[in-house]
PDB file of N, CA and C in Angstrom:
ATOM      1  N   GLN A   1     -21.556   2.155  10.539  1.00  0.00           N
ATOM      2  CA  GLN A   1     -21.408   3.553  10.111  1.00  0.00           C
ATOM      3  C   GLN A   1     -19.911   3.808  10.215  1.00  0.00           C
ATOM      4  N   ASP A   2     -19.103   4.156   8.913  1.00  0.00           N
ATOM      5  CA  ASP A   2     -17.707   4.603   9.143  1.00  0.00           C
ATOM      6  C   ASP A   2     -17.935   6.150   9.270  1.00  0.00           C
ATOM      7  N   ILE A   3     -16.845   6.316  10.153  1.00  0.00           N
ATOM      8  CA  ILE A   3     -16.693   8.089  10.504  1.00  0.00           C
ATOM      9  C   ILE A   3     -15.100   8.259  10.290  1.00  0.00           C
ATOM     10  N   VAL A   4     -14.794   9.327   9.581  1.00  0.00           N
ATOM     11  CA  VAL A   4     -13.382   9.590   9.438  1.00  0.00           C
ATOM     12  C   VAL A   4     -13.313  10.894   9.746  1.00  0.00           C
ATOM     13  N   ASP A   5     -12.361  11.416  10.504  1.00  0.00           N
ATOM     14  CA  ASP A   5     -12.161  12.732  11.085  1.00  0.00           C
ATOM     15  C   ASP A   5     -10.966  13.236  10.362  1.00  0.00           C
ATOM     16  N   LEU A   6     -11.158  14.201   9.189  1.00  0.00           N
ATOM     17  CA  LEU A   6     -10.003  14.705   8.321  1.00  0.00           C
ATOM     18  C   LEU A   6      -9.578  16.292   8.883  1.00  0.00           C
ATOM     19  N   THR A   7      -8.672  16.053   9.754  1.00  0.00           N
ATOM     20  CA  THR A   7      -8.001  17.247  10.374  1.00  0.00           C
ATOM     21  C   THR A   7      -7.232  18.129   9.312  1.00  0.00           C
ATOM     22  N   SER A   8      -6.993  19.397   9.744  1.00  0.00           N
ATOM     23  CA  SER A   8      -6.044  20.246   8.863  1.00  0.00           C
ATOM     24  C   SER A   8      -4.621  19.948   9.291  1.00  0.00           C
ATOM     25  N   PRO A   9      -3.816  19.893   8.449  1.00  0.00           N
ATOM     26  CA  PRO A   9      -3.765  20.302   6.850  1.00  0.00           C
ATOM     27  C   PRO A   9      -3.928  18.459   6.274  1.00  0.00           C
ATOM     28  N   GLY A  10      -4.688  17.839   6.682  1.00  0.00           N
ATOM     29  CA  GLY A  10      -5.279  16.742   5.830  1.00  0.00           C
ATOM     30  C   GLY A  10      -4.587  15.181   6.521  1.00  0.00           C
ATOM     31  N   ASN A  11      -4.678  15.428   8.131  1.00  0.00           N
ATOM     32  CA  ASN A  11      -4.366  14.363   8.947  1.00  0.00           C
ATOM     33  C   ASN A  11      -5.556  13.454   9.055  1.00  0.00           C
ATOM     34  N   PHE A  12      -5.458  12.311   9.447  1.00  0.00           N
ATOM     35  CA  PHE A  12      -6.606  11.287   9.662  1.00  0.00           C
ATOM     36  C   PHE A  12      -6.607  10.837  11.084  1.00  0.00           C
ATOM     37  N   SER A  13      -8.070  10.417  11.528  1.00  0.00           N
ATOM     38  CA  SER A  13      -7.927   9.881  12.819  1.00  0.00           C
ATOM     39  C   SER A  13      -9.328   8.946  12.883  1.00  0.00           C
ATOM     40  N   TRP A  14      -9.075   7.684  13.211  1.00  0.00           N
ATOM     41  CA  TRP A  14      -9.862   6.655  13.389  1.00  0.00           C
ATOM     42  C   TRP A  14      -9.998   5.876  14.665  1.00  0.00           C
ATOM     43  N   ALA A  15     -11.064   5.541  15.045  1.00  0.00           N
ATOM     44  CA  ALA A  15     -11.265   4.664  16.189  1.00  0.00           C
ATOM     45  C   ALA A  15     -10.511   3.288  15.859  1.00  0.00           C
ATOM     46  N   THR A  16     -10.824   2.497  15.057  1.00  0.00           N
ATOM     47  CA  THR A  16     -10.197   1.274  14.339  1.00  0.00           C
ATOM     48  C   THR A  16     -10.014   1.392  12.938  1.00  0.00           C
ATOM     49  N   LEU A  17      -8.805   0.711  12.359  1.00  0.00           N
ATOM     50  CA  LEU A  17      -8.418   0.746  11.229  1.00  0.00           C
ATOM     51  C   LEU A  17      -8.169  -0.816  10.804  1.00  0.00           C
ATOM     52  N   THR A  18      -8.763  -1.239   9.915  1.00  0.00           N
ATOM     53  CA  THR A  18      -8.455  -2.559   9.622  1.00  0.00           C
ATOM     54  C   THR A  18      -8.094  -2.802   7.863  1.00  0.00           C
ATOM     55  N   VAL A  19      -6.945  -3.230   7.738  1.00  0.00           N
ATOM     56  CA  VAL A  19      -6.723  -3.660   6.053  1.00  0.00           C
ATOM     57  C   VAL A  19      -7.012  -5.262   6.154  1.00  0.00           C
ATOM     58  N   LYS A  20      -7.966  -5.631   5.267  1.00  0.00           N
ATOM     59  CA  LYS A  20      -8.465  -6.909   5.209  1.00  0.00           C
ATOM     60  C   LYS A  20      -7.479  -7.578   4.442  1.00  0.00           C
ATOM     61  N   ARG A  21      -7.829  -9.103   4.445  1.00  0.00           N
ATOM     62  CA  ARG A  21      -7.051  -9.876   3.555  1.00  0.00           C
ATOM     63  C   ARG A  21      -6.882  -9.618   2.217  1.00  0.00           C
ATOM     64  N   GLY A  22      -5.625  -9.486   1.842  1.00  0.00           N
ATOM     65  CA  GLY A  22      -5.205  -9.083   0.535  1.00  0.00           C
ATOM     66  C   GLY A  22      -5.575  -7.643   0.019  1.00  0.00           C
ATOM     67  N   GLY A  23      -5.840  -6.869   1.239  1.00  0.00           N
ATOM     68  CA  GLY A  23      -6.187  -5.408   0.971  1.00  0.00           C
ATOM     69  C   GLY A  23      -5.068  -4.748   0.916  1.00  0.00           C
ATOM     70  N   THR A  24      -4.940  -3.348   0.330  1.00  0.00           N
ATOM     71  CA  THR A  24      -3.897  -2.632   0.475  1.00  0.00           C
ATOM     72  C   THR A  24      -4.171  -1.182   0.810  1.00  0.00           C
ATOM     73  N   LEU A  25      -3.686  -0.441   1.554  1.00  0.00           N
ATOM     74  CA  LEU A  25      -3.775   0.923   2.369  1.00  0.00           C
ATOM     75  C   LEU A  25      -2.506   1.829   1.833  1.00  0.00           C
ATOM     76  N   TRP A  26      -2.661   2.678   1.248  1.00  0.00           N
ATOM     77  CA  TRP A  26      -1.396   3.546   0.928  1.00  0.00           C
ATOM     78  C   TRP A  26      -1.529   4.946   1.392  1.00  0.00           C
ATOM     79  N   PHE A  27      -0.951   5.333   2.324  1.00  0.00           N
ATOM     80  CA  PHE A  27      -0.761   6.843   2.520  1.00  0.00           C
ATOM     81  C   PHE A  27       0.604   7.483   2.033  1.00  0.00           C
ATOM     82  N   GLN A  28       0.330   8.596   1.418  1.00  0.00           N
ATOM     83  CA  GLN A  28       1.481   9.137   0.435  1.00  0.00           C
ATOM     84  C   GLN A  28       1.531  10.693   0.726  1.00  0.00           C
ATOM     85  N   GLU A  29       2.802  11.285   1.132  1.00  0.00           N
ATOM     86  CA  GLU A  29       3.073  12.534   1.352  1.00  0.00           C
ATOM     87  C   GLU A  29       2.890  13.283   0.135  1.00  0.00           C
ATOM     88  N   LEU A  30       1.605  14.286   0.096  1.00  0.00           N
ATOM     89  CA  LEU A  30       1.622  15.040  -1.174  1.00  0.00           C
ATOM     90  C   LEU A  30       1.956  16.687  -1.235  1.00  0.00           C
ATOM     91  N   ASN A  31       2.472  16.992   0.065  1.00  0.00           N
ATOM     92  CA  ASN A  31       3.084  18.229   0.295  1.00  0.00           C
ATOM     93  C   ASN A  31       4.066  18.130   1.383  1.00  0.00           C
ATOM     94  N   SER A  32       4.786  19.178   1.862  1.00  0.00           N
ATOM     95  CA  SER A  32       5.694  19.357   2.910  1.00  0.00           C
ATOM     96  C   SER A  32       5.135  19.174   4.280  1.00  0.00           C
ATOM     97  N   ASP A  33       4.008  19.160   4.575  1.00  0.00           N
ATOM     98  CA  ASP A  33       3.409  18.727   5.820  1.00  0.00           C
ATOM     99  C   ASP A  33       3.569  17.458   6.480  1.00  0.00           C
ATOM    100  N   ASN A  34       3.792  17.221   7.721  1.00  0.00           N
ATOM    101  CA  ASN A  34       3.969  15.831   8.095  1.00  0.00           C
ATOM    102  C   ASN A  34       2.477  15.379   8.202  1.00  0.00           C
ATOM    103  N   LEU A  35       2.069  14.145   7.620  1.00  0.00           N
ATOM    104  CA  LEU A  35       1.012  13.318   7.791  1.00  0.00           C
ATOM    105  C   LEU A  35       1.013  12.556   9.255  1.00  0.00           C
ATOM    106  N   VAL A  36      -0.105  13.062   9.850  1.00  0.00           N
ATOM    107  CA  VAL A  36      -0.157  12.050  11.150  1.00  0.00           C
ATOM    108  C   VAL A  36      -1.693  11.484  11.219  1.00  0.00           C
ATOM    109  N   ILE A  37      -1.323   9.879  11.352  1.00  0.00           N
ATOM    110  CA  ILE A  37      -2.680   9.214  11.474  1.00  0.00           C
ATOM    111  C   ILE A  37      -2.626   8.927  12.820  1.00  0.00           C
ATOM    112  N   THR A  38      -4.007   8.894  13.160  1.00  0.00           N
ATOM    113  CA  THR A  38      -4.143   8.922  14.953  1.00  0.00           C
ATOM    114  C   THR A  38      -5.332   7.756  14.866  1.00  0.00           C
ATOM    115  N   ILE A  39      -4.862   6.530  15.328  1.00  0.00           N
ATOM    116  CA  ILE A  39      -5.559   5.382  15.339  1.00  0.00           C
ATOM    117  C   ILE A  39      -5.574   4.766  16.748  1.00  0.00           C
ATOM    118  N   SER A  40      -6.696   4.360  17.277  1.00  0.00           N
ATOM    119  CA  SER A  40      -6.895   3.522  18.556  1.00  0.00           C
ATOM    120  C   SER A  40      -6.078   2.111  18.459  1.00  0.00           C
ATOM    121  N   ILE A  41      -6.843   1.382  17.273  1.00  0.00           N
ATOM    122  CA  ILE A  41      -6.508   0.026  17.074  1.00  0.00           C
ATOM    123  C   ILE A  41      -6.177  -0.048  15.573  1.00  0.00           C
ATOM    124  N   ILE A  42      -5.103  -0.653  15.262  1.00  0.00           N
ATOM    125  CA  ILE A  42      -4.803  -0.892  13.779  1.00  0.00           C
ATOM    126  C   ILE A  42      -4.681  -2.547  13.470  1.00  0.00           C
ATOM    127  N   ASN A  43      -5.258  -3.095  12.776  1.00  0.00           N
ATOM    128  CA  ASN A  43      -5.324  -4.704  12.372  1.00  0.00           C
ATOM    129  C   ASN A  43      -4.963  -4.808  10.821  1.00  0.00           C
ATOM    130  N   ILE A  44      -3.830  -5.309  10.680  1.00  0.00           N
ATOM    131  CA  ILE A  44      -3.529  -5.689   9.362  1.00  0.00           C
ATOM    132  C   ILE A  44      -3.465  -7.162   9.251  1.00  0.00           C
ATOM    133  N   ARG A  45      -4.572  -7.670   8.511  1.00  0.00           N
ATOM    134  CA  ARG A  45      -4.828  -9.094   8.275  1.00  0.00           C
ATOM    135  C   ARG A  45      -3.929  -9.825   7.536  1.00  0.00           C
ATOM    136  N   TRP A  46      -4.226 -11.062   7.379  1.00  0.00           N
ATOM    137  CA  TRP A  46      -3.262 -11.994   6.464  1.00  0.00           C
ATOM    138  C   TRP A  46      -3.219 -11.556   5.069  1.00  0.00           C
ATOM    139  N   TYR A  47      -1.990 -11.240   4.527  1.00  0.00           N
ATOM    140  CA  TYR A  47      -1.739 -10.696   3.248  1.00  0.00           C
ATOM    141  C   TYR A  47      -2.161  -9.301   3.240  1.00  0.00           C
ATOM    142  N   GLY A  48      -2.556  -8.615   4.212  1.00  0.00           N
ATOM    143  CA  GLY A  48      -3.015  -7.223   4.099  1.00  0.00           C
ATOM    144  C   GLY A  48      -1.550  -6.483   4.045  1.00  0.00           C
ATOM    145  N   THR A  49      -1.560  -5.166   3.480  1.00  0.00           N
ATOM    146  CA  THR A  49      -0.478  -4.300   3.267  1.00  0.00           C
ATOM    147  C   THR A  49      -0.876  -2.831   3.450  1.00  0.00           C
ATOM    148  N   MET A  50      -0.114  -2.145   4.397  1.00  0.00           N
ATOM    149  CA  MET A  50      -0.158  -0.688   4.732  1.00  0.00           C
ATOM    150  C   MET A  50       0.948  -0.008   4.337  1.00  0.00           C
ATOM    151  N   LEU A  51       1.030   1.056   3.555  1.00  0.00           N
ATOM    152  CA  LEU A  51       2.207   1.724   3.082  1.00  0.00           C
ATOM    153  C   LEU A  51       2.108   3.118   3.328  1.00  0.00           C
ATOM    154  N   LEU A  52       3.244   3.691   3.792  1.00  0.00           N
ATOM    155  CA  LEU A  52       3.391   5.051   4.370  1.00  0.00           C
ATOM    156  C   LEU A  52       4.771   5.491   4.113  1.00  0.00           C
ATOM    157  N   ASN A  53       4.750   6.428   3.141  1.00  0.00           N
ATOM    158  CA  ASN A  53       5.970   7.001   2.553  1.00  0.00           C
ATOM    159  C   ASN A  53       6.683   8.076   3.530  1.00  0.00           C
ATOM    160  N   HIS A  54       5.990   8.963   4.285  1.00  0.00           N
ATOM    161  CA  HIS A  54       6.280   9.843   5.265  1.00  0.00           C
ATOM    162  C   HIS A  54       5.208  10.314   6.106  1.00  0.00           C
ATOM    163  N   GLY A  55       5.559  10.208   7.188  1.00  0.00           N
ATOM    164  CA  GLY A  55       4.526  10.820   8.396  1.00  0.00           C
ATOM    165  C   GLY A  55       4.557  10.053   9.655  1.00  0.00           C
ATOM    166  N   THR A  56       3.780  10.300  10.467  1.00  0.00           N
ATOM    167  CA  THR A  56       3.593   9.453  11.859  1.00  0.00           C
ATOM    168  C   THR A  56       2.421   8.898  11.972  1.00  0.00           C
ATOM    169  N   ILE A  57       2.503   7.500  12.589  1.00  0.00           N
ATOM    170  CA  ILE A  57       1.427   6.873  13.019  1.00  0.00           C
ATOM    171  C   ILE A  57       1.487   6.801  14.749  1.00  0.00           C
ATOM    172  N   GLU A  58       0.286   7.094  15.112  1.00  0.00           N
ATOM    173  CA  GLU A  58       0.042   7.254  16.451  1.00  0.00           C
ATOM    174  C   GLU A  58      -1.093   6.113  16.953  1.00  0.00           C
ATOM    175  N   ALA A  59      -0.722   5.114  17.632  1.00  0.00           N
ATOM    176  CA  ALA A  59      -1.509   4.045  17.434  1.00  0.00           C
ATOM    177  C   ALA A  59      -1.495   3.606  19.253  1.00  0.00           C
ATOM    178  N   ALA A  60      -2.659   3.275  19.763  1.00  0.00           N
ATOM    179  CA  ALA A  60      -2.548   2.527  21.081  1.00  0.00           C
ATOM    180  C   ALA A  60      -2.199   1.105  21.017  1.00  0.00           C
ATOM    181  N   SER A  61      -2.820   0.143  20.041  1.00  0.00           N
ATOM    182  CA  SER A  61      -2.507  -0.999  19.685  1.00  0.00           C
ATOM    183  C   SER A  61      -2.502  -1.368  18.025  1.00  0.00           C
ATOM    184  N   THR A  62      -1.538  -2.346  17.922  1.00  0.00           N
ATOM    185  CA  THR A  62      -1.453  -2.525  16.383  1.00  0.00           C
ATOM    186  C   THR A  62      -1.280  -4.335  16.335  1.00  0.00           C
ATOM    187  N   GLU A  63      -1.889  -4.662  15.570  1.00  0.00           N
ATOM    188  CA  GLU A  63      -1.787  -6.352  15.369  1.00  0.00           C
ATOM    189  C   GLU A  63      -1.517  -6.378  13.968  1.00  0.00           C
ATOM    190  N   ILE A  64      -0.541  -7.253  13.661  1.00  0.00           N
ATOM    191  CA  ILE A  64      -0.116  -7.548  12.226  1.00  0.00           C
ATOM    192  C   ILE A  64      -0.133  -9.191  12.033  1.00  0.00           C
ATOM    193  N   GLU A  65      -0.971  -9.576  11.294  1.00  0.00           N
ATOM    194  CA  GLU A  65      -1.168 -11.012  11.253  1.00  0.00           C
ATOM    195  C   GLU A  65      -0.079 -11.562  10.159  1.00  0.00           C
ATOM    196  N   SER A  66       0.032 -13.070  10.346  1.00  0.00           N
ATOM    197  CA  SER A  66       1.232 -13.582   9.460  1.00  0.00           C
ATOM    198  C   SER A  66       0.901 -13.216   8.023  1.00  0.00           C
ATOM    199  N   GLU A  67       2.046 -12.899   7.403  1.00  0.00           N
ATOM    200  CA  GLU A  67       2.201 -12.467   5.993  1.00  0.00           C
ATOM    201  C   GLU A  67       1.450 -11.159   5.832  1.00  0.00           C
ATOM    202  N   GLY A  68       1.299 -10.309   6.886  1.00  0.00           N
ATOM    203  CA  GLY A  68       0.820  -8.886   6.778  1.00  0.00           C
ATOM    204  C   GLY A  68       2.089  -8.036   6.713  1.00  0.00           C
ATOM    205  N   ILE A  69       1.767  -7.020   6.133  1.00  0.00           N
ATOM    206  CA  ILE A  69       3.099  -6.065   5.725  1.00  0.00           C
ATOM    207  C   ILE A  69       2.718  -4.571   6.067  1.00  0.00           C
ATOM    208  N   VAL A  70       3.736  -3.985   6.788  1.00  0.00           N
ATOM    209  CA  VAL A  70       3.802  -2.496   6.894  1.00  0.00           C
ATOM    210  C   VAL A  70       4.915  -2.135   6.332  1.00  0.00           C
ATOM    211  N   THR A  71       4.865  -1.110   5.338  1.00  0.00           N
ATOM    212  CA  THR A  71       6.103  -0.594   4.681  1.00  0.00           C
ATOM    213  C   THR A  71       6.156   0.685   5.107  1.00  0.00           C
ATOM    214  N   LEU A  72       7.226   1.274   5.684  1.00  0.00           N
ATOM    215  CA  LEU A  72       7.555   2.592   5.952  1.00  0.00           C
ATOM    216  C   LEU A  72       8.637   3.144   5.262  1.00  0.00           C
ATOM    217  N   ASP A  73       8.936   2.989   4.037  1.00  0.00           N
ATOM    218  CA  ASP A  73       9.805   3.488   3.054  1.00  0.00           C
ATOM    219  C   ASP A  73      10.025   5.018   3.193  1.00  0.00           C
ATOM    220  N   SER A  74      11.131   5.228   3.484  1.00  0.00           N
ATOM    221  CA  SER A  74      11.618   6.740   3.146  1.00  0.00           C
ATOM    222  C   SER A  74      11.238   7.463   4.528  1.00  0.00           C
ATOM    223  N   THR A  75      10.966   6.804   5.589  1.00  0.00           N
ATOM    224  CA  THR A  75      10.569   7.542   6.756  1.00  0.00           C
ATOM    225  C   THR A  75      11.589   7.440   7.768  1.00  0.00           C
ATOM    226  N   GLY A  76      11.841   7.989   8.889  1.00  0.00           N
ATOM    227  CA  GLY A  76      12.573   7.966   9.995  1.00  0.00           C
ATOM    228  C   GLY A  76      13.529   9.088   9.751  1.00  0.00           C
ATOM    229  N   TYR A  77      14.488   9.277  10.846  1.00  0.00           N
ATOM    230  CA  TYR A  77      15.264  10.473  10.988  1.00  0.00           C
ATOM    231  C   TYR A  77      16.615  10.059  10.219  1.00  0.00           C
ATOM    232  N   GLY A  78      17.288  11.114   9.938  1.00  0.00           N
ATOM    233  CA  GLY A  78      18.589  10.949   9.302  1.00  0.00           C
ATOM    234  C   GLY A  78      19.843  10.513  10.193  1.00  0.00           C
ATOM    235  N   SER A  79      20.873  10.421   9.731  1.00  0.00           N
ATOM    236  CA  SER A  79      22.093  10.172  10.497  1.00  0.00           C
ATOM    237  C   SER A  79      22.320  11.102  11.769  1.00  0.00           C
ATOM    238  N   GLN A  80      22.359  10.551  13.023  1.00  0.00           N
ATOM    239  CA  GLN A  80      22.563  11.466  14.130  1.00  0.00           C
ATOM    240  C   GLN A  80      21.707  12.404  14.352  1.00  0.00           C
ATOM    241  N   ALA A  81      20.347  12.025  13.941  1.00  0.00           N
ATOM    242  CA  ALA A  81      19.265  12.959  14.341  1.00  0.00           C
ATOM    243  C   ALA A  81      18.172  12.384  14.829  1.00  0.00           C
ATOM    244  N   GLY A  82      17.090  13.170  15.319  1.00  0.00           N
ATOM    245  CA  GLY A  82      15.933  12.408  15.807  1.00  0.00           C
ATOM    246  C   GLY A  82      16.001  12.394  17.586  1.00  0.00           C
ATOM    247  N   PRO A  83      15.008  11.843  18.163  1.00  0.00           N
ATOM    248  CA  PRO A  83      14.905  12.126  19.627  1.00  0.00           C
ATOM    249  C   PRO A  83      15.977  11.136  20.329  1.00  0.00           C
ATOM    250  N   CYS A  84      16.587  10.029  19.771  1.00  0.00           N
ATOM    251  CA  CYS A  84      17.584   9.179  20.356  1.00  0.00           C
ATOM    252  C   CYS A  84      18.709   9.038  19.325  1.00  0.00           C
ATOM    253  N   PRO A  85      19.476   9.887  19.141  1.00  0.00           N
ATOM    254  CA  PRO A  85      20.379   9.628  17.746  1.00  0.00           C
ATOM    255  C   PRO A  85      21.572   9.023  18.266  1.00  0.00           C
ATOM    256  N   GLY A  86      22.222   8.302  17.371  1.00  0.00           N
ATOM    257  CA  GLY A  86      23.654   7.977  17.744  1.00  0.00           C
ATOM    258  C   GLY A  86      24.633   9.135  17.746  1.00  0.00           C
ATOM    259  N   LYS A  87      25.861   8.712  18.159  1.00  0.00           N
ATOM    260  CA  LYS A  87      26.617   9.824  17.830  1.00  0.00           C
ATOM    261  C   LYS A  87      28.093   9.359  17.694  1.00  0.00           C
ATOM    262  N   THR A  88      29.372  10.061  17.512  1.00  0.00           N
ATOM    263  CA  THR A  88      30.500   9.523  17.298  1.00  0.00           C
ATOM    264  C   THR A  88      31.480  10.523  18.153  1.00  0.00           C
ATOM    265  N   VAL A  89      32.175   9.780  19.040  1.00  0.00           N
ATOM    266  CA  VAL A  89      33.154  10.519  19.964  1.00  0.00           C
ATOM    267  C   VAL A  89      34.405   9.445  19.649  1.00  0.00           C
ATOM    268  N   GLY A  90      35.466  10.501  19.270  1.00  0.00           N
ATOM    269  CA  GLY A  90      36.871   9.847  19.196  1.00  0.00           C
ATOM    270  C   GLY A  90      36.928   8.863  18.050  1.00  0.00           C
ATOM    271  N   ASN A  91      36.101   8.957  17.123  1.00  0.00           N
ATOM    272  CA  ASN A  91      36.038   8.148  15.857  1.00  0.00           C
ATOM    273  C   ASN A  91      35.337   6.574  16.219  1.00  0.00           C
ATOM    274  N   VAL A  92      34.702   6.710  17.363  1.00  0.00           N
ATOM    275  CA  VAL A  92      33.604   5.569  17.578  1.00  0.00           C
ATOM    276  C   VAL A  92      32.203   5.819  17.548  1.00  0.00           C
ATOM    277  N   GLY A  93      31.466   5.347  16.389  1.00  0.00           N
ATOM    278  CA  GLY A  93      30.078   5.651  16.377  1.00  0.00           C
ATOM    279  C   GLY A  93      29.573   4.634  17.267  1.00  0.00           C
ATOM    280  N   THR A  94      28.096   5.165  17.358  1.00  0.00           N
ATOM    281  CA  THR A  94      27.196   4.474  17.921  1.00  0.00           C
ATOM    282  C   THR A  94      25.876   4.462  17.381  1.00  0.00           C
ATOM    283  N   GLY A  95      25.067   3.399  17.167  1.00  0.00           N
ATOM    284  CA  GLY A  95      23.727   3.209  16.690  1.00  0.00           C
ATOM    285  C   GLY A  95      22.863   3.965  17.449  1.00  0.00           C
ATOM    286  N   ALA A  96      21.695   4.282  17.012  1.00  0.00           N
ATOM    287  CA  ALA A  96      20.508   4.919  17.505  1.00  0.00           C
ATOM    288  C   ALA A  96      20.045   4.032  18.391  1.00  0.00           C
ATOM    289  N   GLY A  97      19.395   4.441  19.486  1.00  0.00           N
ATOM    290  CA  GLY A  97      18.631   3.765  20.460  1.00  0.00           C
ATOM    291  C   GLY A  97      17.266   4.053  20.867  1.00  0.00           C
ATOM    292  N   HIS A  98      16.315   3.182  21.375  1.00  0.00           N
ATOM    293  CA  HIS A  98      15.067   3.609  21.670  1.00  0.00           C
ATOM    294  C   HIS A  98      15.308   3.984  23.222  1.00  0.00           C
ATOM    295  N   GLY A  99      15.289   5.586  23.547  1.00  0.00           N
ATOM    296  CA  GLY A  99      15.571   6.079  24.676  1.00  0.00           C
ATOM    297  C   GLY A  99      16.941   6.134  25.115  1.00  0.00           C
ATOM    298  N   GLY A 100      17.964   5.988  24.392  1.00  0.00           N
ATOM    299  CA  GLY A 100      19.165   6.046  24.617  1.00  0.00           C
ATOM    300  C   GLY A 100      20.076   6.389  23.294  1.00  0.00           C
ATOM    301  N   GLU A 101      21.487   6.292  23.563  1.00  0.00           N
ATOM    302  CA  GLU A 101      22.163   6.725  22.595  1.00  0.00           C
ATOM    303  C   GLU A 101      22.703   5.285  21.710  1.00  0.00           C
ATOM    304  N   GLY A 102      22.303   4.431  22.207  1.00  0.00           N
ATOM    305  CA  GLY A 102      22.629   2.909  21.385  1.00  0.00           C
ATOM    306  C   GLY A 102      24.066   2.453  22.053  1.00  0.00           C
ATOM    307  N   GLY A 103      24.544   1.457  21.239  1.00  0.00           N
ATOM    308  CA  GLY A 103      25.799   0.806  21.655  1.00  0.00           C
ATOM    309  C   GLY A 103      26.951   1.275  20.650  1.00  0.00           C
ATOM    310  N   GLY A 104      28.076   0.911  20.973  1.00  0.00           N
ATOM    311  CA  GLY A 104      29.191   1.532  20.431  1.00  0.00           C
ATOM    312  C   GLY A 104      30.283   0.218  20.328  1.00  0.00           C
ATOM    313  N   ALA A 105      31.286   0.535  19.048  1.00  0.00           N
ATOM    314  CA  ALA A 105      32.232  -0.608  18.846  1.00  0.00           C
ATOM    315  C   ALA A 105      33.449   0.023  18.907  1.00  0.00           C
ATOM    316  N   VAL A 106      34.741  -0.591  19.385  1.00  0.00           N
ATOM    317  CA  VAL A 106      35.968   0.131  19.260  1.00  0.00           C
ATOM    318  C   VAL A 106      36.513  -1.244  18.273  1.00  0.00           C
ATOM    319  N   ARG A 107      37.375  -0.786  17.232  1.00  0.00           N
ATOM    320  CA  ARG A 107      38.083  -1.624  16.483  1.00  0.00           C
ATOM    321  C   ARG A 107      39.611  -1.624  16.718  1.00  0.00           C
ATOM    322  N   GLY A 108      40.544  -2.653  17.005  1.00  0.00           N
ATOM    323  CA  GLY A 108      41.580  -2.646  17.113  1.00  0.00           C
ATOM    324  C   GLY A 108      42.324  -2.493  15.790  1.00  0.00           C
ATOM    325  N   GLY A 109      43.702  -1.719  15.988  1.00  0.00           N
ATOM    326  CA  GLY A 109      44.157  -1.364  14.862  1.00  0.00           C
ATOM    327  C   GLY A 109      45.552  -1.951  14.698  1.00  0.00           C
TER     328      GLY A 109
END
């Protein structure tokens, strides 16, 4: 039996999500609300494709097999934004990091 929990304003919650061989699953933002997909286990099988153009995936475990694709086009934070943004100090820019400010580079002139 398949059970889907559709929460307000249109978020999804599953125990396990599997995109089978050659299958495609597409989540698309339809309004200005942030789509949140909560899944314990995500399995993207061989040549399976999952597309998400705007939203958040919360998963405990994710497995993507060879030739599997997860496309997150048009997602992410803009320049110098988000929980771990890069920054510019004295014309030296740093890239964003996971849990930090990222690295920097100084070019000689």
